[in-house]
Amino acid sequence: MAGHSKWANIQHRKGRQDEKRGKAWTRVIREIMVAARQGGGDPSANPRLRLAVEKAKAVNLPADTVKRNIDKATGNLEGVNYEEIRYEGYGIGGAAVMVDCMTDNRVRTVAEVRHAFSKYGGNLGTEGSVAFQFKHCGQFIFAPGVSEDQVMEVALEAGAEDVIAGDDGSMEVLCAPGDFEAVQKALAAKGLQPEVAEVTMRAENPVEVGGEDAQRMQKLLDVLEDLDDVQEVYHNAILDGV
């Protein structure tokens, strides 16, 4: 099915992430600790921890660091206790924004997030104010030029819910979070390598933001992503000209 192309926005986001490799380690370590604390320290029996360990490998986090933080989270070593918090609000032009944080100081975190929203033109909302505009799912995005028929055949056979063709030839595969690993393995077995593979909160109703508003929206997103306690920032803005 045809869909609005997100390719430019995806590429921009990947570029921003590549600039922040140092912070990537901190985020992955927090994700490992929370996943291990909630589901146990054995990756084979804890899907969330398995994904976190894969993320650690992707950013070249040393294996001994991974193990040490799993041990901290499961009580074998003394460590910091992080909690997960999600903040919701609106950016420029009514775009919906969700900010997932892991923190050892809730008061500090909410103050920083609220300040970022208010300073850069957004509004921090209440719980549930924008969450309904996002879907929790597995997402794979392929660069333009990949075989649409092959991606569709392999993905749907492996349990994917939908395959969306972008206007520019990019492909997007969506699946239930619990099917993420099965779809990922099936795609890899056929040599299909996505540019993005993650369990995410996908915007259901994109909002186009252009001109100066797009620049302001990007600034707000950048500031939020740079906060120490922020793990992920999700939004439904299609930023034109950024």
C-alpha atoms as a PDB file:
ATOM      1  CA  MET A   1       0.000   0.000   0.000  1.00  0.00           C
ATOM      2  CA  ALA A   2       1.192   3.504  -0.775  1.00  0.00           C
ATOM      3  CA  GLY A   3       2.201   5.762   2.055  1.00  0.00           C
ATOM      4  CA  HIS A   4       3.740   9.154   2.733  1.00  0.00           C
ATOM      5  CA  SER A   5       7.513   8.886   2.388  1.00  0.00           C
ATOM      6  CA  LYS A   6       9.370   9.393   5.666  1.00  0.00           C
ATOM      7  CA  TRP A   7      12.772   8.784   4.132  1.00  0.00           C
ATOM      8  CA  ALA A   8      14.190  12.304   4.513  1.00  0.00           C
ATOM      9  CA  ASN A   9      13.073  12.428   8.130  1.00  0.00           C
ATOM     10  CA  ILE A  10      14.484   8.952   8.811  1.00  0.00           C
ATOM     11  CA  GLN A  11      17.845   9.918   7.327  1.00  0.00           C
ATOM     12  CA  HIS A  12      17.953  13.103   9.376  1.00  0.00           C
ATOM     13  CA  ARG A  13      17.168  11.191  12.552  1.00  0.00           C
ATOM     14  CA  LYS A  14      19.865   8.619  11.837  1.00  0.00           C
ATOM     15  CA  GLY A  15      22.341  11.420  11.236  1.00  0.00           C
ATOM     16  CA  ARG A  16      21.461  12.992  14.559  1.00  0.00           C
ATOM     17  CA  GLN A  17      21.873   9.637  16.315  1.00  0.00           C
ATOM     18  CA  ASP A  18      25.262   9.086  14.697  1.00  0.00           C
ATOM     19  CA  GLU A  19      26.407  12.419  16.143  1.00  0.00           C
ATOM     20  CA  LYS A  20      25.521  11.222  19.646  1.00  0.00           C
ATOM     21  CA  ARG A  21      27.403   7.944  19.946  1.00  0.00           C
ATOM     22  CA  GLY A  22      28.685   8.895  23.403  1.00  0.00           C
ATOM     23  CA  LYS A  23      25.183   9.336  24.745  1.00  0.00           C
ATOM     24  CA  ALA A  24      24.086   6.136  22.989  1.00  0.00           C
ATOM     25  CA  TRP A  25      26.090   4.088  25.499  1.00  0.00           C
ATOM     26  CA  THR A  26      24.334   5.752  28.437  1.00  0.00           C
ATOM     27  CA  ARG A  27      20.909   5.118  26.918  1.00  0.00           C
ATOM     28  CA  VAL A  28      21.643   1.480  26.147  1.00  0.00           C
ATOM     29  CA  ILE A  29      23.017   0.853  29.643  1.00  0.00           C
ATOM     30  CA  ARG A  30      19.840   2.254  31.212  1.00  0.00           C
ATOM     31  CA  GLU A  31      17.674   0.139  28.915  1.00  0.00           C
ATOM     32  CA  ILE A  32      19.687  -2.981  29.832  1.00  0.00           C
ATOM     33  CA  MET A  33      19.293  -2.266  33.557  1.00  0.00           C
ATOM     34  CA  VAL A  34      15.542  -1.672  33.422  1.00  0.00           C
ATOM     35  CA  ALA A  35      14.953  -4.697  31.167  1.00  0.00           C
ATOM     36  CA  ALA A  36      17.032  -6.960  33.416  1.00  0.00           C
ATOM     37  CA  ARG A  37      15.381  -5.701  36.588  1.00  0.00           C
ATOM     38  CA  GLN A  38      11.874  -6.267  35.199  1.00  0.00           C
ATOM     39  CA  GLY A  39      12.371  -9.538  33.322  1.00  0.00           C
ATOM     40  CA  GLY A  40      15.501 -11.141  34.779  1.00  0.00           C
ATOM     41  CA  GLY A  41      19.120 -11.228  33.691  1.00  0.00           C
ATOM     42  CA  ASP A  42      18.908 -14.099  31.182  1.00  0.00           C
ATOM     43  CA  PRO A  43      18.562 -12.658  27.655  1.00  0.00           C
ATOM     44  CA  SER A  44      17.285 -15.982  26.275  1.00  0.00           C
ATOM     45  CA  ALA A  45      14.249 -15.728  28.577  1.00  0.00           C
ATOM     46  CA  ASN A  46      13.818 -11.940  28.421  1.00  0.00           C
ATOM     47  CA  PRO A  47      12.925 -10.535  24.965  1.00  0.00           C
ATOM     48  CA  ARG A  48      13.311  -6.905  26.049  1.00  0.00           C
ATOM     49  CA  LEU A  49      16.787  -7.593  27.418  1.00  0.00           C
ATOM     50  CA  ARG A  50      17.684  -9.456  24.205  1.00  0.00           C
ATOM     51  CA  LEU A  51      16.824  -6.378  22.157  1.00  0.00           C
ATOM     52  CA  ALA A  52      18.776  -4.151  24.545  1.00  0.00           C
ATOM     53  CA  VAL A  53      21.853  -6.371  24.211  1.00  0.00           C
ATOM     54  CA  GLU A  54      21.530  -6.189  20.406  1.00  0.00           C
ATOM     55  CA  LYS A  55      21.411  -2.397  20.659  1.00  0.00           C
ATOM     56  CA  ALA A  56      24.540  -2.552  22.827  1.00  0.00           C
ATOM     57  CA  LYS A  57      26.347  -4.532  20.146  1.00  0.00           C
ATOM     58  CA  ALA A  58      25.239  -2.043  17.491  1.00  0.00           C
ATOM     59  CA  VAL A  59      26.903   0.840  19.368  1.00  0.00           C
ATOM     60  CA  ASN A  60      29.974  -1.248  20.272  1.00  0.00           C
ATOM     61  CA  LEU A  61      29.319  -1.302  24.012  1.00  0.00           C
ATOM     62  CA  PRO A  62      31.859  -3.733  25.546  1.00  0.00           C
ATOM     63  CA  ALA A  63      30.469  -7.121  26.585  1.00  0.00           C
ATOM     64  CA  ASP A  64      31.865  -6.809  30.120  1.00  0.00           C
ATOM     65  CA  THR A  65      29.997  -3.508  30.516  1.00  0.00           C
ATOM     66  CA  VAL A  66      26.792  -5.219  29.422  1.00  0.00           C
ATOM     67  CA  LYS A  67      27.288  -8.036  31.942  1.00  0.00           C
ATOM     68  CA  ARG A  68      28.217  -5.670  34.778  1.00  0.00           C
ATOM     69  CA  ASN A  69      25.041  -3.647  34.312  1.00  0.00           C
ATOM     70  CA  ILE A  70      22.856  -6.750  34.097  1.00  0.00           C
ATOM     71  CA  ASP A  71      24.409  -7.843  37.410  1.00  0.00           C
ATOM     72  CA  LYS A  72      23.702  -4.432  38.932  1.00  0.00           C
ATOM     73  CA  ALA A  73      20.076  -4.560  37.842  1.00  0.00           C
ATOM     74  CA  THR A  74      19.488  -8.074  39.166  1.00  0.00           C
ATOM     75  CA  GLY A  75      21.024  -7.342  42.554  1.00  0.00           C
ATOM     76  CA  ASN A  76      24.387  -9.028  42.109  1.00  0.00           C
ATOM     77  CA  LEU A  77      26.159  -5.662  42.227  1.00  0.00           C
ATOM     78  CA  GLU A  78      25.201  -2.356  43.829  1.00  0.00           C
ATOM     79  CA  GLY A  79      23.894   0.105  41.259  1.00  0.00           C
ATOM     80  CA  VAL A  80      21.532   2.992  40.528  1.00  0.00           C
ATOM     81  CA  ASN A  81      17.818   2.232  40.382  1.00  0.00           C
ATOM     82  CA  TYR A  82      16.208   3.783  37.297  1.00  0.00           C
ATOM     83  CA  GLU A  83      12.478   4.190  36.719  1.00  0.00           C
ATOM     84  CA  GLU A  84      10.695   4.692  33.415  1.00  0.00           C
ATOM     85  CA  ILE A  85       8.553   7.774  32.850  1.00  0.00           C
ATOM     86  CA  ARG A  86       6.728   8.937  29.722  1.00  0.00           C
ATOM     87  CA  TYR A  87       5.835  12.584  29.123  1.00  0.00           C
ATOM     88  CA  GLU A  88       3.371  13.729  26.465  1.00  0.00           C
ATOM     89  CA  GLY A  89       2.856  17.089  24.861  1.00  0.00           C
ATOM     90  CA  TYR A  90       2.506  19.176  21.737  1.00  0.00           C
ATOM     91  CA  GLY A  91       5.183  20.756  19.591  1.00  0.00           C
ATOM     92  CA  ILE A  92       4.940  23.338  16.824  1.00  0.00           C
ATOM     93  CA  GLY A  93       1.826  23.333  14.648  1.00  0.00           C
ATOM     94  CA  GLY A  94       0.005  20.946  16.959  1.00  0.00           C
ATOM     95  CA  ALA A  95       2.416  18.066  16.338  1.00  0.00           C
ATOM     96  CA  ALA A  96       2.207  15.329  18.972  1.00  0.00           C
ATOM     97  CA  VAL A  97       5.346  14.506  20.986  1.00  0.00           C
ATOM     98  CA  MET A  98       6.077  11.666  23.430  1.00  0.00           C
ATOM     99  CA  VAL A  99       9.252  11.601  25.504  1.00  0.00           C
ATOM    100  CA  ASP A 100      10.400   8.362  27.135  1.00  0.00           C
ATOM    101  CA  CYS A 101      12.806   8.822  30.034  1.00  0.00           C
ATOM    102  CA  MET A 102      14.750   6.679  32.468  1.00  0.00           C
ATOM    103  CA  THR A 103      15.748   8.500  35.600  1.00  0.00           C
ATOM    104  CA  ASP A 104      16.914   8.200  39.182  1.00  0.00           C
ATOM    105  CA  ASN A 105      15.411  11.619  39.971  1.00  0.00           C
ATOM    106  CA  ARG A 106      11.842  12.188  38.768  1.00  0.00           C
ATOM    107  CA  VAL A 107      11.715  15.815  39.998  1.00  0.00           C
ATOM    108  CA  ARG A 108      14.801  16.787  37.991  1.00  0.00           C
ATOM    109  CA  THR A 109      13.566  15.042  34.861  1.00  0.00           C
ATOM    110  CA  VAL A 110      10.099  16.556  34.717  1.00  0.00           C
ATOM    111  CA  ALA A 111      11.565  20.025  35.330  1.00  0.00           C
ATOM    112  CA  GLU A 112      13.998  19.633  32.417  1.00  0.00           C
ATOM    113  CA  VAL A 113      11.357  18.258  30.048  1.00  0.00           C
ATOM    114  CA  ARG A 114       8.831  20.967  30.980  1.00  0.00           C
ATOM    115  CA  HIS A 115      11.478  23.669  30.507  1.00  0.00           C
ATOM    116  CA  ALA A 116      12.381  22.370  27.043  1.00  0.00           C
ATOM    117  CA  PHE A 117       8.748  22.349  25.915  1.00  0.00           C
ATOM    118  CA  SER A 118       8.002  25.821  27.231  1.00  0.00           C
ATOM    119  CA  LYS A 119      11.235  27.449  26.022  1.00  0.00           C
ATOM    120  CA  TYR A 120      11.052  26.114  22.468  1.00  0.00           C
ATOM    121  CA  GLY A 121       7.406  26.629  21.636  1.00  0.00           C
ATOM    122  CA  GLY A 122       5.735  23.437  22.813  1.00  0.00           C
ATOM    123  CA  ASN A 123       3.342  22.537  25.607  1.00  0.00           C
ATOM    124  CA  LEU A 124       3.738  19.674  28.076  1.00  0.00           C
ATOM    125  CA  GLY A 125       0.415  17.850  28.325  1.00  0.00           C
ATOM    126  CA  THR A 126      -1.180  15.367  30.689  1.00  0.00           C
ATOM    127  CA  GLU A 127      -0.829  11.593  30.615  1.00  0.00           C
ATOM    128  CA  GLY A 128      -2.770  10.179  27.662  1.00  0.00           C
ATOM    129  CA  SER A 129      -3.058  13.513  25.856  1.00  0.00           C
ATOM    130  CA  VAL A 130      -1.267  12.290  22.726  1.00  0.00           C
ATOM    131  CA  ALA A 131      -0.500   8.587  23.303  1.00  0.00           C
ATOM    132  CA  PHE A 132      -3.600   7.535  21.366  1.00  0.00           C
ATOM    133  CA  GLN A 133      -1.965   8.953  18.224  1.00  0.00           C
ATOM    134  CA  PHE A 134       0.854   6.364  18.345  1.00  0.00           C
ATOM    135  CA  LYS A 135       0.995   2.597  17.892  1.00  0.00           C
ATOM    136  CA  HIS A 136       3.443   0.348  19.749  1.00  0.00           C
ATOM    137  CA  CYS A 137       4.902  -1.887  17.051  1.00  0.00           C
ATOM    138  CA  GLY A 138       7.960  -3.382  15.418  1.00  0.00           C
ATOM    139  CA  GLN A 139       9.167  -1.298  12.484  1.00  0.00           C
ATOM    140  CA  PHE A 140      11.616  -2.048   9.668  1.00  0.00           C
ATOM    141  CA  ILE A 141      12.440   0.599   7.061  1.00  0.00           C
ATOM    142  CA  PHE A 142      14.250  -0.227   3.825  1.00  0.00           C
ATOM    143  CA  ALA A 143      16.035   2.248   1.576  1.00  0.00           C
ATOM    144  CA  PRO A 144      14.652   2.954  -1.900  1.00  0.00           C
ATOM    145  CA  GLY A 145      15.629   0.281  -4.397  1.00  0.00           C
ATOM    146  CA  VAL A 146      14.873  -2.834  -2.370  1.00  0.00           C
ATOM    147  CA  SER A 147      12.614  -5.453  -4.003  1.00  0.00           C
ATOM    148  CA  GLU A 148       9.075  -4.640  -2.913  1.00  0.00           C
ATOM    149  CA  ASP A 149       7.790  -8.116  -3.821  1.00  0.00           C
ATOM    150  CA  GLN A 150      10.535  -9.895  -1.899  1.00  0.00           C
ATOM    151  CA  VAL A 151      10.175  -7.748   1.219  1.00  0.00           C
ATOM    152  CA  MET A 152       6.406  -8.210   1.201  1.00  0.00           C
ATOM    153  CA  GLU A 153       6.593 -11.985   0.683  1.00  0.00           C
ATOM    154  CA  VAL A 154       9.204 -12.607   3.385  1.00  0.00           C
ATOM    155  CA  ALA A 155       7.745 -10.185   5.937  1.00  0.00           C
ATOM    156  CA  LEU A 156       4.132 -11.326   5.678  1.00  0.00           C
ATOM    157  CA  GLU A 157       5.162 -14.988   5.761  1.00  0.00           C
ATOM    158  CA  ALA A 158       7.074 -14.282   9.002  1.00  0.00           C
ATOM    159  CA  GLY A 159       4.072 -12.676  10.684  1.00  0.00           C
ATOM    160  CA  ALA A 160       4.268  -8.974   9.758  1.00  0.00           C
ATOM    161  CA  GLU A 161       0.993  -7.054   9.918  1.00  0.00           C
ATOM    162  CA  ASP A 162       1.593  -4.605   7.078  1.00  0.00           C
ATOM    163  CA  VAL A 163       4.051  -3.623   4.360  1.00  0.00           C
ATOM    164  CA  ILE A 164       3.888  -0.024   3.166  1.00  0.00           C
ATOM    165  CA  ALA A 165       5.534   1.276  -0.012  1.00  0.00           C
ATOM    166  CA  GLY A 166       6.768   4.875   0.187  1.00  0.00           C
ATOM    167  CA  ASP A 167       6.340   7.317  -2.690  1.00  0.00           C
ATOM    168  CA  ASP A 168      10.130   7.328  -3.172  1.00  0.00           C
ATOM    169  CA  GLY A 169      10.567   3.541  -3.312  1.00  0.00           C
ATOM    170  CA  SER A 170      11.369   3.024   0.368  1.00  0.00           C
ATOM    171  CA  MET A 171       9.580   0.209   2.186  1.00  0.00           C
ATOM    172  CA  GLU A 172       8.178   0.026   5.707  1.00  0.00           C
ATOM    173  CA  VAL A 173       7.320  -3.249   7.450  1.00  0.00           C
ATOM    174  CA  LEU A 174       5.169  -3.252  10.594  1.00  0.00           C
ATOM    175  CA  CYS A 175       4.575  -6.085  13.057  1.00  0.00           C
ATOM    176  CA  ALA A 176       3.391  -6.704  16.595  1.00  0.00           C
ATOM    177  CA  PRO A 177       6.157  -6.110  19.176  1.00  0.00           C
ATOM    178  CA  GLY A 178       6.136  -9.784  20.088  1.00  0.00           C
ATOM    179  CA  ASP A 179       6.795 -10.775  16.463  1.00  0.00           C
ATOM    180  CA  PHE A 180       9.741  -8.402  16.001  1.00  0.00           C
ATOM    181  CA  GLU A 181      12.486 -11.002  16.414  1.00  0.00           C
ATOM    182  CA  ALA A 182      10.819 -13.542  14.119  1.00  0.00           C
ATOM    183  CA  VAL A 183      10.366 -10.983  11.332  1.00  0.00           C
ATOM    184  CA  GLN A 184      13.910  -9.656  11.830  1.00  0.00           C
ATOM    185  CA  LYS A 185      15.406 -13.145  11.529  1.00  0.00           C
ATOM    186  CA  ALA A 186      13.326 -13.981   8.456  1.00  0.00           C
ATOM    187  CA  LEU A 187      14.408 -10.800   6.666  1.00  0.00           C
ATOM    188  CA  ALA A 188      18.069 -11.377   7.585  1.00  0.00           C
ATOM    189  CA  ALA A 189      17.912 -14.964   6.320  1.00  0.00           C
ATOM    190  CA  LYS A 190      16.994 -13.630   2.867  1.00  0.00           C
ATOM    191  CA  GLY A 191      19.703 -10.962   2.932  1.00  0.00           C
ATOM    192  CA  LEU A 192      17.219  -8.126   3.387  1.00  0.00           C
ATOM    193  CA  GLN A 193      18.956  -5.475   5.502  1.00  0.00           C
ATOM    194  CA  PRO A 194      16.765  -2.618   6.779  1.00  0.00           C
ATOM    195  CA  GLU A 195      18.134   0.840   7.530  1.00  0.00           C
ATOM    196  CA  VAL A 196      15.976   0.964  10.660  1.00  0.00           C
ATOM    197  CA  ALA A 197      14.878  -2.027  12.765  1.00  0.00           C
ATOM    198  CA  GLU A 198      13.298  -1.266  16.130  1.00  0.00           C
ATOM    199  CA  VAL A 199      10.342  -1.645  18.433  1.00  0.00           C
ATOM    200  CA  THR A 200       8.918   1.838  18.512  1.00  0.00           C
ATOM    201  CA  MET A 201       5.905   4.104  18.983  1.00  0.00           C
ATOM    202  CA  ARG A 202       4.815   4.827  15.404  1.00  0.00           C
ATOM    203  CA  ALA A 203       2.791   7.942  14.646  1.00  0.00           C
ATOM    204  CA  GLU A 204      -0.615   7.064  13.193  1.00  0.00           C
ATOM    205  CA  ASN A 205      -1.577  10.537  11.926  1.00  0.00           C
ATOM    206  CA  PRO A 206       1.425  12.464  10.550  1.00  0.00           C
ATOM    207  CA  VAL A 207       1.279  16.262  10.576  1.00  0.00           C
ATOM    208  CA  GLU A 208       3.209  18.221   7.959  1.00  0.00           C
ATOM    209  CA  VAL A 209       5.238  21.095   9.383  1.00  0.00           C
ATOM    210  CA  GLY A 210       7.129  23.406   7.022  1.00  0.00           C
ATOM    211  CA  GLY A 211       9.150  26.606   6.816  1.00  0.00           C
ATOM    212  CA  GLU A 212      10.171  28.313  10.048  1.00  0.00           C
ATOM    213  CA  ASP A 213       7.821  26.070  12.003  1.00  0.00           C
ATOM    214  CA  ALA A 214       9.784  23.028  10.839  1.00  0.00           C
ATOM    215  CA  GLN A 215      13.022  24.635  12.014  1.00  0.00           C
ATOM    216  CA  ARG A 216      11.492  25.427  15.399  1.00  0.00           C
ATOM    217  CA  MET A 217      10.085  21.925  15.720  1.00  0.00           C
ATOM    218  CA  GLN A 218      13.470  20.398  14.939  1.00  0.00           C
ATOM    219  CA  LYS A 219      15.074  22.598  17.592  1.00  0.00           C
ATOM    220  CA  LEU A 220      12.554  21.404  20.195  1.00  0.00           C
ATOM    221  CA  LEU A 221      13.188  17.762  19.264  1.00  0.00           C
ATOM    222  CA  ASP A 222      16.956  18.235  19.371  1.00  0.00           C
ATOM    223  CA  VAL A 223      16.836  19.863  22.816  1.00  0.00           C
ATOM    224  CA  LEU A 224      14.618  17.087  24.185  1.00  0.00           C
ATOM    225  CA  GLU A 225      16.880  14.376  22.757  1.00  0.00           C
ATOM    226  CA  ASP A 226      19.923  16.029  24.316  1.00  0.00           C
ATOM    227  CA  LEU A 227      18.518  15.824  27.853  1.00  0.00           C
ATOM    228  CA  ASP A 228      20.479  13.308  29.930  1.00  0.00           C
ATOM    229  CA  ASP A 229      17.439  11.371  31.156  1.00  0.00           C
ATOM    230  CA  VAL A 230      15.714  11.075  27.763  1.00  0.00           C
ATOM    231  CA  GLN A 231      15.819   7.674  26.058  1.00  0.00           C
ATOM    232  CA  GLU A 232      13.559   8.247  23.042  1.00  0.00           C
ATOM    233  CA  VAL A 233      11.535  11.072  21.519  1.00  0.00           C
ATOM    234  CA  TYR A 234       8.578  10.126  19.318  1.00  0.00           C
ATOM    235  CA  HIS A 235       6.583  12.598  17.241  1.00  0.00           C
ATOM    236  CA  ASN A 236       4.185  12.738  14.315  1.00  0.00           C
ATOM    237  CA  ALA A 237       5.720  15.721  12.490  1.00  0.00           C
ATOM    238  CA  ILE A 238       6.768  15.417   8.850  1.00  0.00           C
ATOM    239  CA  LEU A 239       9.406  18.143   8.709  1.00  0.00           C
ATOM    240  CA  ASP A 240       9.685  19.778   5.285  1.00  0.00           C
ATOM    241  CA  GLY A 241      12.848  21.645   4.394  1.00  0.00           C
ATOM    242  CA  VAL A 242      14.862  20.693   7.499  1.00  0.00           C
END
